[in-house]
Protein backbone atom coordinates (compact mmCIF):
# COMPACT_ATOMS: atom_id res chain seq x y z
CA MET A 1 3.20 -16.39 -30.32
CA ASP A 2 6.25 -15.79 -29.27
CA ARG A 3 5.61 -12.15 -28.72
CA SER A 4 2.33 -13.47 -26.04
CA ILE A 5 4.49 -15.69 -24.54
CA TYR A 6 7.47 -12.76 -23.86
CA THR A 7 5.16 -10.29 -22.69
CA ALA A 8 3.85 -12.91 -20.08
CA LEU A 9 6.83 -13.34 -18.84
CA ASN A 10 7.91 -10.23 -18.43
CA SER A 11 4.26 -9.44 -16.72
CA MET A 12 4.70 -12.65 -13.96
CA SER A 13 8.46 -10.79 -13.46
CA ILE A 14 6.97 -7.42 -12.07
CA LEU A 15 4.37 -9.17 -9.88
CA ARG A 16 7.67 -11.48 -8.73
CA SER A 17 8.94 -7.83 -7.76
CA ASN A 18 5.75 -6.54 -5.87
CA GLN A 19 5.08 -9.97 -3.99
CA SER A 20 8.68 -9.57 -2.40
CA VAL A 21 7.66 -5.94 -1.69
CA THR A 22 4.93 -7.10 -0.50
CA SER A 23 5.90 -10.13 1.93
CA GLN A 24 8.78 -7.72 3.13
CA ASN A 25 5.81 -5.06 4.06
CA LEU A 26 4.07 -7.96 6.32
CA ALA A 27 7.30 -9.10 7.68
CA ASN A 28 7.68 -5.92 9.67
CA SER A 29 4.25 -4.72 10.22
CA ASN A 30 5.19 -5.00 14.02
CA SER A 31 9.03 -3.49 13.49
CA THR A 32 9.54 -0.16 15.40
CA GLY A 33 9.66 2.55 13.06
CA PHE A 34 9.26 0.31 10.13
CA GLN A 35 8.07 2.84 6.42
CA LYS A 36 6.07 0.15 4.08
CA ASP A 37 8.13 0.13 1.09
CA ASN A 38 5.90 0.61 -1.86
CA ASN A 39 5.33 -1.82 -4.98
CA THR A 40 8.20 -0.82 -7.59
CA ASN A 41 7.80 1.74 -10.63
CA PHE A 42 8.01 0.22 -14.28
CA SER A 43 8.74 2.39 -17.40
CA SER A 44 8.68 0.54 -21.09
CA VAL A 45 11.62 0.52 -23.60
CA TYR A 46 10.97 -0.65 -27.01
CA LEU A 47 13.49 -3.41 -28.50
CA ASP A 48 14.73 -3.66 -31.98
CA ARG A 49 12.62 -0.07 -33.29
CA ASP A 50 15.78 1.29 -34.49
CA LYS A 51 17.08 -1.45 -36.45
CA GLY A 52 12.87 -0.99 -38.44
CA LEU A 53 11.59 -3.92 -36.49
CA ASP A 54 8.45 -4.53 -35.10
CA PRO A 55 9.02 -3.11 -31.51
CA ARG A 56 9.41 -5.63 -28.77
CA VAL A 57 7.94 -4.08 -25.38
CA LEU A 58 10.32 -4.62 -22.32
CA ALA A 59 9.36 -3.57 -18.61
CA ILE A 60 12.17 -2.25 -16.51
CA GLN A 61 12.94 -0.64 -13.27
CA ASP A 62 11.98 2.57 -13.12
CA SER A 63 12.16 3.62 -9.25
CA SER A 64 10.91 2.49 -5.66
CA SER A 65 9.84 4.64 -3.37
CA PHE A 66 8.34 4.27 0.31
CA ASP A 67 5.32 5.55 2.26
CA SER A 68 6.58 8.17 4.57
CA SER A 69 3.33 8.60 6.64
CA GLN A 70 3.66 8.75 10.09
CA GLY A 71 2.93 5.16 12.20
CA PRO A 72 0.95 4.98 15.66
CA LYS A 73 3.00 6.04 18.49
CA ASN A 74 2.69 2.91 20.96
CA GLN A 75 3.11 4.21 24.92
CA THR A 76 5.66 1.85 26.77
CA GLY A 77 6.89 4.71 29.90
CA GLU A 78 10.65 3.39 29.37
CA PRO A 79 12.21 6.10 29.53
CA LEU A 80 15.34 5.83 26.65
CA ASP A 81 11.95 5.19 23.88
CA LEU A 82 11.84 7.86 22.21
CA ALA A 83 8.88 8.95 19.25
CA ILE A 84 9.00 11.74 16.92
CA ASP A 85 6.34 14.33 17.76
CA GLY A 86 5.31 14.87 13.83
CA ASP A 87 7.27 14.43 10.67
CA GLY A 88 10.90 13.50 11.06
CA TYR A 89 13.93 11.29 11.82
CA PHE A 90 16.87 10.22 13.94
CA LEU A 91 20.26 10.05 12.74
CA VAL A 92 22.01 7.27 12.94
CA LYS A 93 25.24 5.49 11.92
CA PRO A 94 24.74 1.68 10.62
CA GLU A 95 27.20 -0.70 10.67
CA ASN A 96 28.34 0.01 6.97
CA GLY A 97 29.16 3.51 7.70
CA LYS A 98 26.96 5.83 5.85
CA ASN A 99 24.83 8.00 8.32
CA ALA A 100 21.14 7.53 7.71
CA LEU A 101 17.81 8.68 9.14
CA SER A 102 15.63 6.34 10.86
CA LYS A 103 12.05 6.41 13.00
CA ARG A 104 13.34 3.93 15.32
CA GLY A 105 13.10 5.23 18.27
CA ASP A 106 13.84 2.48 21.25
CA PHE A 107 17.33 3.27 22.62
CA LYS A 108 19.84 1.54 25.25
CA VAL A 109 22.97 1.84 26.36
CA SER A 110 25.11 -0.90 24.65
CA ALA A 111 27.79 -2.83 26.45
CA ASN A 112 30.71 -0.41 25.17
CA SER A 113 28.80 2.64 26.59
CA LEU A 114 27.19 3.77 22.91
CA LEU A 115 23.29 5.13 23.16
CA VAL A 116 22.10 2.62 20.41
CA ASP A 117 18.29 1.36 19.20
CA GLY A 118 16.88 -1.98 19.33
CA THR A 119 18.98 -3.14 16.40
CA GLY A 120 22.14 -2.33 17.63
CA THR A 121 22.78 1.09 15.11
CA ALA A 122 24.12 4.05 17.17
CA ALA A 123 23.11 7.13 17.37
CA LEU A 124 24.28 10.33 16.40
CA ASN A 125 25.14 13.47 18.81
CA ILE A 126 24.03 16.77 16.81
CA ASP A 127 27.75 17.45 15.54
CA LEU A 128 27.03 13.71 13.45
CA GLU A 129 29.13 11.76 16.28
CA VAL A 130 27.99 8.58 17.90
CA ILE A 131 27.28 9.26 21.61
CA THR A 132 28.67 7.94 24.68
CA ILE A 133 27.12 7.40 27.87
CA PRO A 134 29.90 7.58 30.94
CA PRO A 135 28.73 5.13 33.91
CA HIS A 136 25.48 6.61 35.46
CA ARG A 137 22.48 5.94 38.33
CA LYS A 138 20.22 7.76 35.82
CA ILE A 139 20.03 8.64 32.19
CA THR A 140 16.85 11.14 30.73
CA ILE A 141 15.94 12.35 26.85
CA ALA A 142 14.43 15.75 27.15
CA PRO A 143 11.88 16.64 24.23
CA ASP A 144 14.53 18.28 22.78
CA GLY A 145 16.70 15.49 22.74
CA ILE A 146 18.90 16.70 25.53
CA ILE A 147 20.51 13.36 27.01
CA GLU A 148 21.49 13.83 30.71
CA ILE A 149 22.76 11.57 33.60
CA GLU A 150 23.51 11.22 37.16
CA PRO A 151 26.83 10.16 37.56
CA LEU A 152 27.93 7.30 39.82
CA ASN A 153 30.01 9.11 41.90
CA ALA A 154 28.64 12.15 41.72
CA PRO A 155 26.04 13.36 45.25
CA VAL A 156 22.40 12.20 44.43
CA GLY A 157 19.99 14.55 41.81
CA GLN A 158 23.50 16.38 40.72
CA LYS A 159 22.77 15.67 36.66
CA ILE A 160 25.32 16.65 33.77
CA LYS A 161 24.83 16.71 30.21
CA VAL A 162 26.30 14.50 27.71
CA GLY A 163 24.70 15.39 24.46
CA GLN A 164 21.95 16.05 22.06
CA LEU A 165 20.33 13.37 19.96
CA ALA A 166 20.57 14.70 16.69
CA THR A 167 16.87 14.61 14.40
CA VAL A 168 15.66 16.27 11.39
CA SER A 169 12.39 17.69 10.73
CA GLY A 170 10.17 16.76 8.03
CA SER A 171 12.97 17.40 4.68
CA GLU A 172 11.91 18.91 1.48
CA VAL A 173 14.81 17.20 -0.23
CA PRO A 174 13.67 14.13 -2.05
CA LEU A 175 14.30 10.85 0.43
CA ALA A 176 14.82 7.37 -0.51
CA LYS A 177 14.97 4.05 1.02
CA PHE A 178 18.15 1.98 0.62
CA GLU A 179 18.83 -1.50 -0.21
CA ASP A 180 20.24 -2.00 4.24
CA GLY A 181 16.90 -0.63 4.77
CA PHE A 182 17.55 2.71 5.45
CA VAL A 183 16.89 6.22 4.63
CA ARG A 184 19.10 9.05 2.97
CA THR A 185 18.93 11.39 0.15
CA ILE A 186 19.09 10.65 -3.07
CA ASN A 187 22.61 11.42 -3.28
CA GLU A 188 23.15 9.01 -0.59
CA THR A 189 23.61 11.60 2.33
CA VAL A 190 21.61 13.09 5.33
CA PRO A 191 20.70 16.60 5.81
CA GLU A 192 21.75 18.83 8.48
CA PRO A 193 20.74 18.16 11.86
CA ASP A 194 17.71 20.66 12.35
CA ASN A 195 16.17 19.71 16.08
CA LYS A 196 13.37 20.99 15.35
CA VAL A 197 11.16 18.16 16.40
CA ARG A 198 9.26 17.46 19.43
CA LEU A 199 10.26 14.01 21.07
CA LEU A 200 7.96 12.24 23.02
CA THR A 201 9.40 10.32 25.80
CA GLY A 202 8.05 6.54 26.80
CA PHE A 203 6.72 6.05 23.20
CA LEU A 204 7.93 4.03 20.34
CA GLU A 205 6.29 4.70 16.62
CA GLY A 206 4.94 1.76 15.36
CA SER A 207 5.47 0.30 11.42
CA ASN A 208 3.26 2.12 8.91
CA VAL A 209 1.99 -1.27 7.11
CA LYS A 210 -1.49 -1.61 7.41
CA THR A 211 -1.77 -5.91 7.22
CA ILE A 212 -5.01 -5.79 5.60
CA ASP A 213 -4.22 -3.95 2.80
CA GLU A 214 -1.29 -5.49 2.32
CA LEU A 215 -2.84 -8.75 2.29
CA VAL A 216 -5.30 -7.60 -0.12
CA SER A 217 -2.28 -6.73 -2.97
CA ASN A 218 -0.56 -10.51 -1.99
CA ILE A 219 -3.85 -12.47 -2.97
CA GLU A 220 -3.85 -9.98 -6.05
CA ASN A 221 -0.60 -10.61 -7.16
CA SER A 222 -0.96 -14.15 -6.55
CA ARG A 223 -4.10 -14.65 -8.74
CA SER A 224 -2.60 -11.84 -11.67
CA TYR A 225 0.94 -14.44 -11.89
CA GLU A 226 -1.36 -17.93 -11.89
CA ILE A 227 -3.56 -15.93 -15.00
CA ASN A 228 -0.27 -15.44 -16.66
CA VAL A 229 1.09 -19.18 -15.86
CA LYS A 230 -1.95 -20.38 -17.84
CA PHE A 231 -1.60 -18.15 -20.27
CA ILE A 232 1.99 -19.87 -21.00
CA THR A 233 0.41 -22.99 -21.04
CA THR A 234 -2.18 -22.13 -23.46
CA ALA A 235 -0.04 -20.32 -25.86
CA LYS A 236 2.52 -23.10 -25.55
CA GLU A 237 -0.72 -25.73 -26.18
CA ILE A 238 -1.91 -23.59 -29.37
CA ASP A 239 1.76 -23.48 -31.19
CA GLU A 240 2.06 -27.25 -30.18
CA ALA A 241 -1.02 -27.79 -32.24
CA THR A 242 -0.08 -25.16 -34.87
CA ALA A 243 3.16 -27.34 -35.67
CA SER A 244 1.14 -30.35 -35.71
CA LEU A 245 -0.91 -29.01 -38.38
CA MET A 246 1.85 -27.59 -40.41
CA ARG A 247 3.76 -31.19 -40.55
CA MET A 248 0.62 -33.23 -42.02
CA PRO A 249 0.82 -34.27 -45.38
CA SER A 250 -1.19 -32.59 -47.96
């Protein structure tokens, strides 16, 4: 009986993990550039097999992954809104200091004159440095990522180049999403910029989460969890009934 309950509890632990992933996806279904997290993969290990005992199976987290497919391109008309045409990423510098990859292209100039996305994460140039934008009347970003401004004190129409957004095309290097929500290689590094992708000005890539699929997954996880709870309750009742019979006088 102990084994049955243990198996059910183990299953419930897996379901809780997957439920958390589904909830995270639903919460970010409207987030710019969000890439769906996949349910965590688990593998099995055997306990006490080396001691000659009947083995018990424990599920352990094997790996987690994310869906790298492209989200829908939504037209905004804003000059600093950018979407990558095809498979690729912007290179950014999160607050924790580790360079990362991002699909988020809702850029703006921050109060301290840095080019940042909607979360305040700094964009990087091809030298992997943050991009400083001088005072300007107008700013444009070309499809190749080159950033030009019309300086405040320059003649109207005069433009100067202030940098180039760093991008990478679809990398053959395995990528993973980390706890900070950013994508990097499995070695926690980023590929070198190749700037082979084309940028769409006035567009944003939306989340690739399919809400209906996540809602269905959410319902399935809840039902499976309830089944395991009922199983544990039934196992407990059987165990108590068995113990009661064993205490009866002969």
